[in-house]
């Protein structure tokens, strides 16, 4: 069985955060965990020029763009054999909030792609660990809304420097029935009951080595859960 790494495009402003994605795959390899990269076969919400933040008049496919990160080896979420995956890793980036869902535009009232929601629910139901980085915990919270599951999640800390409104996101997560934890870049949140590991990563202002260390902490914990 392999770890599924769920990508949402290529680039922080419209897809997967590249550092978090690559660091996840590196840490998985360091822990000798095999993985497959997956992404929904859908159109990008939009494409952003990462040098100036302007929207480009282009149409791109999420699987095709995600393949830039995975070096071509990737499959559509709809084609994943769920019985062949041991766990799930979800890097952050605005793609999680624009392509995997529309959280960036609707917040707590957003909708999640059905195939992504089913993937997350499958992992939780079957006690398969999930690593959720950066903004991606909102996907988990929304997917489990209205169920008997109350995930413990973090998107950072209000006491740490961030360009995002951590309190506002925490309030939205709480409204969905999730429990939020305040964590710095030197910490991760661990929900031992649901086997969900979350880490703030680029939700907080950090240097690249700090992001790597935070990501690796989460993947190391995943390895521990899988071996227990």
C-alpha atoms as a PDB file:
ATOM      1  CA  UNK A   1       0.000   0.000   0.000  1.00  0.00           C
ATOM      2  CA  UNK A   2       1.146   3.517  -0.756  1.00  0.00           C
ATOM      3  CA  UNK A   3       0.672   7.004   0.654  1.00  0.00           C
ATOM      4  CA  UNK A   4      -1.500   9.161  -1.610  1.00  0.00           C
ATOM      5  CA  UNK A   5      -0.261  12.746  -2.031  1.00  0.00           C
ATOM      6  CA  UNK A   6      -3.197  14.900  -3.093  1.00  0.00           C
ATOM      7  CA  UNK A   7      -2.127  17.801  -5.332  1.00  0.00           C
ATOM      8  CA  UNK A   8      -4.250  20.684  -6.574  1.00  0.00           C
ATOM      9  CA  UNK A   9      -2.158  22.280  -9.320  1.00  0.00           C
ATOM     10  CA  UNK A  10       1.289  23.830  -9.361  1.00  0.00           C
ATOM     11  CA  UNK A  11       2.009  27.070  -7.511  1.00  0.00           C
ATOM     12  CA  UNK A  12       0.932  28.587  -4.216  1.00  0.00           C
ATOM     13  CA  UNK A  13      -1.545  31.151  -5.568  1.00  0.00           C
ATOM     14  CA  UNK A  14      -3.610  28.820  -7.749  1.00  0.00           C
ATOM     15  CA  UNK A  15      -2.477  25.264  -6.996  1.00  0.00           C
ATOM     16  CA  UNK A  16      -0.393  23.224  -4.572  1.00  0.00           C
ATOM     17  CA  UNK A  17       2.328  24.970  -2.571  1.00  0.00           C
ATOM     18  CA  UNK A  18       5.427  23.586  -4.279  1.00  0.00           C
ATOM     19  CA  UNK A  19       7.779  23.602  -1.277  1.00  0.00           C
ATOM     20  CA  UNK A  20       5.256  21.813   0.936  1.00  0.00           C
ATOM     21  CA  UNK A  21       4.555  19.270  -1.812  1.00  0.00           C
ATOM     22  CA  UNK A  22       8.205  18.495  -2.532  1.00  0.00           C
ATOM     23  CA  UNK A  23       9.159  18.460   1.151  1.00  0.00           C
ATOM     24  CA  UNK A  24       6.340  15.983   1.775  1.00  0.00           C
ATOM     25  CA  UNK A  25       7.584  13.642  -0.929  1.00  0.00           C
ATOM     26  CA  UNK A  26      11.175  13.987   0.286  1.00  0.00           C
ATOM     27  CA  UNK A  27      10.193  13.220   3.883  1.00  0.00           C
ATOM     28  CA  UNK A  28       8.130  10.236   2.732  1.00  0.00           C
ATOM     29  CA  UNK A  29      11.156   8.895   0.858  1.00  0.00           C
ATOM     30  CA  UNK A  30      13.380   9.509   3.877  1.00  0.00           C
ATOM     31  CA  UNK A  31      10.966   7.405   5.904  1.00  0.00           C
ATOM     32  CA  UNK A  32      11.035   4.739   3.172  1.00  0.00           C
ATOM     33  CA  UNK A  33       7.332   5.202   2.476  1.00  0.00           C
ATOM     34  CA  UNK A  34       6.181   4.655  -1.092  1.00  0.00           C
ATOM     35  CA  UNK A  35       3.736   7.200  -2.449  1.00  0.00           C
ATOM     36  CA  UNK A  36       1.603   8.055  -5.445  1.00  0.00           C
ATOM     37  CA  UNK A  37       0.626  11.545  -6.528  1.00  0.00           C
ATOM     38  CA  UNK A  38      -3.027  12.138  -7.322  1.00  0.00           C
ATOM     39  CA  UNK A  39      -5.111  15.131  -8.417  1.00  0.00           C
ATOM     40  CA  UNK A  40      -8.658  15.783  -9.628  1.00  0.00           C
ATOM     41  CA  UNK A  41      -9.054  15.789 -13.406  1.00  0.00           C
ATOM     42  CA  UNK A  42     -10.733  19.182 -13.559  1.00  0.00           C
ATOM     43  CA  UNK A  43     -10.148  22.673 -14.900  1.00  0.00           C
ATOM     44  CA  UNK A  44      -8.208  25.126 -12.722  1.00  0.00           C
ATOM     45  CA  UNK A  45     -10.408  27.805 -11.191  1.00  0.00           C
ATOM     46  CA  UNK A  46      -7.981  30.347 -12.627  1.00  0.00           C
ATOM     47  CA  UNK A  47      -4.293  30.818 -13.378  1.00  0.00           C
ATOM     48  CA  UNK A  48      -2.215  33.392 -11.501  1.00  0.00           C
ATOM     49  CA  UNK A  49       1.004  35.078 -12.639  1.00  0.00           C
ATOM     50  CA  UNK A  50       3.183  34.343  -9.619  1.00  0.00           C
ATOM     51  CA  UNK A  51       5.451  37.336 -10.278  1.00  0.00           C
ATOM     52  CA  UNK A  52       2.741  39.961  -9.817  1.00  0.00           C
ATOM     53  CA  UNK A  53      -0.467  38.232  -8.680  1.00  0.00           C
ATOM     54  CA  UNK A  54      -2.387  39.043 -11.845  1.00  0.00           C
ATOM     55  CA  UNK A  55      -4.912  36.591 -13.254  1.00  0.00           C
ATOM     56  CA  UNK A  56      -3.978  35.207 -16.666  1.00  0.00           C
ATOM     57  CA  UNK A  57      -6.416  34.546 -19.476  1.00  0.00           C
ATOM     58  CA  UNK A  58      -5.533  30.865 -19.639  1.00  0.00           C
ATOM     59  CA  UNK A  59      -7.269  27.539 -19.010  1.00  0.00           C
ATOM     60  CA  UNK A  60      -5.308  24.670 -17.467  1.00  0.00           C
ATOM     61  CA  UNK A  61      -6.032  21.221 -16.099  1.00  0.00           C
ATOM     62  CA  UNK A  62      -5.297  20.376 -12.451  1.00  0.00           C
ATOM     63  CA  UNK A  63      -3.850  16.925 -13.192  1.00  0.00           C
ATOM     64  CA  UNK A  64      -1.626  18.290 -15.967  1.00  0.00           C
ATOM     65  CA  UNK A  65      -0.352  21.134 -13.786  1.00  0.00           C
ATOM     66  CA  UNK A  66       0.154  18.875 -10.761  1.00  0.00           C
ATOM     67  CA  UNK A  67       2.279  16.580 -12.916  1.00  0.00           C
ATOM     68  CA  UNK A  68       4.890  19.360 -12.991  1.00  0.00           C
ATOM     69  CA  UNK A  69       5.497  18.649  -9.296  1.00  0.00           C
ATOM     70  CA  UNK A  70       5.305  14.860  -9.546  1.00  0.00           C
ATOM     71  CA  UNK A  71       7.614  14.731 -12.586  1.00  0.00           C
ATOM     72  CA  UNK A  72       4.854  13.283 -14.716  1.00  0.00           C
ATOM     73  CA  UNK A  73       3.796  10.359 -12.549  1.00  0.00           C
ATOM     74  CA  UNK A  74       0.259  11.096 -11.424  1.00  0.00           C
ATOM     75  CA  UNK A  75      -3.246   9.674 -11.617  1.00  0.00           C
ATOM     76  CA  UNK A  76      -6.701  11.151 -11.340  1.00  0.00           C
ATOM     77  CA  UNK A  77      -8.398  10.971  -7.945  1.00  0.00           C
ATOM     78  CA  UNK A  78     -11.361   9.232  -9.593  1.00  0.00           C
ATOM     79  CA  UNK A  79      -9.095   6.377 -10.713  1.00  0.00           C
ATOM     80  CA  UNK A  80      -7.490   5.730  -7.321  1.00  0.00           C
ATOM     81  CA  UNK A  81      -8.103   2.293  -5.846  1.00  0.00           C
ATOM     82  CA  UNK A  82      -8.821   3.311  -2.266  1.00  0.00           C
ATOM     83  CA  UNK A  83      -8.002  -0.170  -1.027  1.00  0.00           C
ATOM     84  CA  UNK A  84      -4.424   0.301  -2.240  1.00  0.00           C
ATOM     85  CA  UNK A  85      -3.627   3.436  -0.244  1.00  0.00           C
ATOM     86  CA  UNK A  86      -2.433   3.399   3.357  1.00  0.00           C
ATOM     87  CA  UNK A  87      -2.834   7.089   4.116  1.00  0.00           C
ATOM     88  CA  UNK A  88      -3.190  10.568   2.649  1.00  0.00           C
ATOM     89  CA  UNK A  89      -1.039  13.708   2.523  1.00  0.00           C
ATOM     90  CA  UNK A  90      -2.578  17.044   1.495  1.00  0.00           C
ATOM     91  CA  UNK A  91      -0.119  19.897   0.881  1.00  0.00           C
ATOM     92  CA  UNK A  92      -1.409  23.446   1.156  1.00  0.00           C
ATOM     93  CA  UNK A  93      -1.576  26.223  -1.398  1.00  0.00           C
ATOM     94  CA  UNK A  94      -4.580  28.139  -2.683  1.00  0.00           C
ATOM     95  CA  UNK A  95      -5.420  25.217  -4.965  1.00  0.00           C
ATOM     96  CA  UNK A  96      -6.889  23.474  -1.929  1.00  0.00           C
ATOM     97  CA  UNK A  97      -9.229  26.429  -1.476  1.00  0.00           C
ATOM     98  CA  UNK A  98      -9.864  27.096  -5.182  1.00  0.00           C
ATOM     99  CA  UNK A  99      -9.696  23.738  -6.967  1.00  0.00           C
ATOM    100  CA  UNK A 100     -10.335  21.052  -4.346  1.00  0.00           C
ATOM    101  CA  UNK A 101     -13.023  23.313  -2.918  1.00  0.00           C
ATOM    102  CA  UNK A 102     -14.291  26.882  -3.210  1.00  0.00           C
ATOM    103  CA  UNK A 103     -13.306  27.811   0.358  1.00  0.00           C
ATOM    104  CA  UNK A 104     -11.373  30.855  -0.909  1.00  0.00           C
ATOM    105  CA  UNK A 105     -14.649  32.375  -2.075  1.00  0.00           C
ATOM    106  CA  UNK A 106     -17.296  30.934   0.258  1.00  0.00           C
ATOM    107  CA  UNK A 107     -15.454  30.070   3.474  1.00  0.00           C
ATOM    108  CA  UNK A 108     -17.441  27.832   5.814  1.00  0.00           C
ATOM    109  CA  UNK A 109     -20.298  27.772   3.269  1.00  0.00           C
ATOM    110  CA  UNK A 110     -18.027  26.268   0.618  1.00  0.00           C
ATOM    111  CA  UNK A 111     -18.379  22.964  -1.203  1.00  0.00           C
ATOM    112  CA  UNK A 112     -15.763  20.233  -1.573  1.00  0.00           C
ATOM    113  CA  UNK A 113     -15.218  18.192  -4.719  1.00  0.00           C
ATOM    114  CA  UNK A 114     -17.199  15.008  -4.190  1.00  0.00           C
ATOM    115  CA  UNK A 115     -14.280  12.720  -5.068  1.00  0.00           C
ATOM    116  CA  UNK A 116     -12.021  14.569  -2.620  1.00  0.00           C
ATOM    117  CA  UNK A 117     -14.639  14.439   0.124  1.00  0.00           C
ATOM    118  CA  UNK A 118     -15.101  10.707  -0.469  1.00  0.00           C
ATOM    119  CA  UNK A 119     -11.333  10.170  -0.292  1.00  0.00           C
ATOM    120  CA  UNK A 120     -11.047  11.962   3.044  1.00  0.00           C
ATOM    121  CA  UNK A 121     -14.096  10.196   4.468  1.00  0.00           C
ATOM    122  CA  UNK A 122     -12.695   6.836   3.349  1.00  0.00           C
ATOM    123  CA  UNK A 123      -9.464   7.497   5.228  1.00  0.00           C
ATOM    124  CA  UNK A 124     -11.231   8.592   8.403  1.00  0.00           C
ATOM    125  CA  UNK A 125     -13.729   5.719   8.304  1.00  0.00           C
ATOM    126  CA  UNK A 126     -10.958   3.169   7.804  1.00  0.00           C
ATOM    127  CA  UNK A 127      -8.535   4.753  10.284  1.00  0.00           C
ATOM    128  CA  UNK A 128      -6.007   5.591   7.586  1.00  0.00           C
ATOM    129  CA  UNK A 129      -3.837   8.523   8.732  1.00  0.00           C
ATOM    130  CA  UNK A 130      -4.091  11.919   7.063  1.00  0.00           C
ATOM    131  CA  UNK A 131      -1.415  14.616   7.010  1.00  0.00           C
ATOM    132  CA  UNK A 132      -2.899  18.040   6.334  1.00  0.00           C
ATOM    133  CA  UNK A 133      -0.593  21.011   5.744  1.00  0.00           C
ATOM    134  CA  UNK A 134      -1.096  24.771   5.672  1.00  0.00           C
ATOM    135  CA  UNK A 135      -4.677  25.720   4.647  1.00  0.00           C
ATOM    136  CA  UNK A 136      -5.733  22.166   3.728  1.00  0.00           C
ATOM    137  CA  UNK A 137      -7.306  21.408   7.153  1.00  0.00           C
ATOM    138  CA  UNK A 138     -10.310  23.415   5.947  1.00  0.00           C
ATOM    139  CA  UNK A 139     -10.905  20.637   3.418  1.00  0.00           C
ATOM    140  CA  UNK A 140     -11.018  18.041   6.180  1.00  0.00           C
ATOM    141  CA  UNK A 141     -13.269  20.157   8.382  1.00  0.00           C
ATOM    142  CA  UNK A 142     -15.732  20.763   5.567  1.00  0.00           C
ATOM    143  CA  UNK A 143     -15.670  17.110   4.457  1.00  0.00           C
ATOM    144  CA  UNK A 144     -16.558  15.925   7.973  1.00  0.00           C
ATOM    145  CA  UNK A 145     -19.141  18.618   8.665  1.00  0.00           C
ATOM    146  CA  UNK A 146     -22.406  17.149   9.885  1.00  0.00           C
ATOM    147  CA  UNK A 147     -20.893  13.771  10.770  1.00  0.00           C
ATOM    148  CA  UNK A 148     -20.107  12.301  14.170  1.00  0.00           C
ATOM    149  CA  UNK A 149     -16.426  13.109  13.611  1.00  0.00           C
ATOM    150  CA  UNK A 150     -14.960  16.164  15.321  1.00  0.00           C
ATOM    151  CA  UNK A 151     -11.410  16.532  13.981  1.00  0.00           C
ATOM    152  CA  UNK A 152      -8.680  18.304  15.902  1.00  0.00           C
ATOM    153  CA  UNK A 153      -6.841  20.629  13.495  1.00  0.00           C
ATOM    154  CA  UNK A 154      -4.379  23.509  13.301  1.00  0.00           C
ATOM    155  CA  UNK A 155      -3.782  26.248  10.757  1.00  0.00           C
ATOM    156  CA  UNK A 156      -1.236  28.010  12.952  1.00  0.00           C
ATOM    157  CA  UNK A 157      -1.389  30.368  15.889  1.00  0.00           C
ATOM    158  CA  UNK A 158      -2.857  33.818  16.434  1.00  0.00           C
ATOM    159  CA  UNK A 159       0.249  34.705  18.434  1.00  0.00           C
ATOM    160  CA  UNK A 160       2.599  34.010  15.508  1.00  0.00           C
ATOM    161  CA  UNK A 161       3.284  36.308  12.558  1.00  0.00           C
ATOM    162  CA  UNK A 162       1.063  35.509   9.572  1.00  0.00           C
ATOM    163  CA  UNK A 163      -0.313  37.241   6.497  1.00  0.00           C
ATOM    164  CA  UNK A 164      -3.591  35.388   7.047  1.00  0.00           C
ATOM    165  CA  UNK A 165      -6.369  35.897   9.595  1.00  0.00           C
ATOM    166  CA  UNK A 166      -5.823  32.780  11.698  1.00  0.00           C
ATOM    167  CA  UNK A 167      -8.587  33.682  14.142  1.00  0.00           C
ATOM    168  CA  UNK A 168     -11.122  34.056  11.351  1.00  0.00           C
ATOM    169  CA  UNK A 169     -10.183  30.662   9.924  1.00  0.00           C
ATOM    170  CA  UNK A 170     -10.305  29.076  13.392  1.00  0.00           C
ATOM    171  CA  UNK A 171     -13.781  30.499  13.929  1.00  0.00           C
ATOM    172  CA  UNK A 172     -14.904  29.055  10.589  1.00  0.00           C
ATOM    173  CA  UNK A 173     -13.450  25.647  11.449  1.00  0.00           C
ATOM    174  CA  UNK A 174     -15.170  25.702  14.828  1.00  0.00           C
ATOM    175  CA  UNK A 175     -18.486  26.531  13.162  1.00  0.00           C
ATOM    176  CA  UNK A 176     -18.106  23.326  11.154  1.00  0.00           C
ATOM    177  CA  UNK A 177     -17.664  21.222  14.281  1.00  0.00           C
ATOM    178  CA  UNK A 178     -13.887  20.966  14.306  1.00  0.00           C
ATOM    179  CA  UNK A 179     -11.622  21.600  17.285  1.00  0.00           C
ATOM    180  CA  UNK A 180      -8.776  24.024  16.612  1.00  0.00           C
ATOM    181  CA  UNK A 181      -5.326  24.077  18.190  1.00  0.00           C
ATOM    182  CA  UNK A 182      -2.765  26.868  18.300  1.00  0.00           C
ATOM    183  CA  UNK A 183       0.546  25.624  16.903  1.00  0.00           C
ATOM    184  CA  UNK A 184       3.789  27.314  15.879  1.00  0.00           C
ATOM    185  CA  UNK A 185       6.155  26.269  13.101  1.00  0.00           C
ATOM    186  CA  UNK A 186       7.972  24.147  15.659  1.00  0.00           C
ATOM    187  CA  UNK A 187       4.820  22.138  16.408  1.00  0.00           C
ATOM    188  CA  UNK A 188       2.223  19.918  14.814  1.00  0.00           C
ATOM    189  CA  UNK A 189      -1.312  19.011  15.844  1.00  0.00           C
ATOM    190  CA  UNK A 190      -2.041  15.322  16.390  1.00  0.00           C
ATOM    191  CA  UNK A 191      -5.554  13.913  16.527  1.00  0.00           C
ATOM    192  CA  UNK A 192      -4.800  10.403  17.742  1.00  0.00           C
ATOM    193  CA  UNK A 193      -8.447   9.377  17.660  1.00  0.00           C
ATOM    194  CA  UNK A 194      -9.031  10.191  13.976  1.00  0.00           C
ATOM    195  CA  UNK A 195      -5.344   9.827  13.031  1.00  0.00           C
ATOM    196  CA  UNK A 196      -5.148  13.316  11.568  1.00  0.00           C
ATOM    197  CA  UNK A 197      -1.851  15.207  11.667  1.00  0.00           C
ATOM    198  CA  UNK A 198      -1.843  18.886  10.727  1.00  0.00           C
ATOM    199  CA  UNK A 199       0.954  21.433  10.510  1.00  0.00           C
ATOM    200  CA  UNK A 200       0.798  25.193   9.869  1.00  0.00           C
ATOM    201  CA  UNK A 201       3.682  25.420   7.378  1.00  0.00           C
ATOM    202  CA  UNK A 202       3.239  28.521   5.188  1.00  0.00           C
ATOM    203  CA  UNK A 203       0.138  29.694   7.030  1.00  0.00           C
ATOM    204  CA  UNK A 204       2.769  31.292   9.257  1.00  0.00           C
ATOM    205  CA  UNK A 205       5.690  33.456   8.163  1.00  0.00           C
ATOM    206  CA  UNK A 206       8.644  31.119   8.056  1.00  0.00           C
ATOM    207  CA  UNK A 207      11.912  30.521   6.282  1.00  0.00           C
ATOM    208  CA  UNK A 208      12.206  27.621   3.886  1.00  0.00           C
ATOM    209  CA  UNK A 209      14.154  25.480   6.356  1.00  0.00           C
ATOM    210  CA  UNK A 210      11.463  26.039   8.988  1.00  0.00           C
ATOM    211  CA  UNK A 211       8.794  24.922   6.512  1.00  0.00           C
ATOM    212  CA  UNK A 212      10.804  21.809   5.710  1.00  0.00           C
ATOM    213  CA  UNK A 213      11.237  20.965   9.391  1.00  0.00           C
ATOM    214  CA  UNK A 214       7.530  21.479  10.086  1.00  0.00           C
ATOM    215  CA  UNK A 215       6.566  19.303   7.122  1.00  0.00           C
ATOM    216  CA  UNK A 216       9.026  16.586   8.122  1.00  0.00           C
ATOM    217  CA  UNK A 217       7.667  16.549  11.683  1.00  0.00           C
ATOM    218  CA  UNK A 218       4.235  15.761  10.256  1.00  0.00           C
ATOM    219  CA  UNK A 219       5.496  13.062   7.873  1.00  0.00           C
ATOM    220  CA  UNK A 220       7.656  11.494  10.590  1.00  0.00           C
ATOM    221  CA  UNK A 221       4.545  11.236  12.757  1.00  0.00           C
ATOM    222  CA  UNK A 222       2.687   9.662   9.843  1.00  0.00           C
ATOM    223  CA  UNK A 223       5.444   7.052   9.545  1.00  0.00           C
ATOM    224  CA  UNK A 224       5.139   6.352  13.259  1.00  0.00           C
ATOM    225  CA  UNK A 225       1.358   5.878  12.963  1.00  0.00           C
ATOM    226  CA  UNK A 226       1.710   3.546  10.002  1.00  0.00           C
ATOM    227  CA  UNK A 227       4.235   1.374  11.797  1.00  0.00           C
ATOM    228  CA  UNK A 228       2.266   1.105  15.035  1.00  0.00           C
END
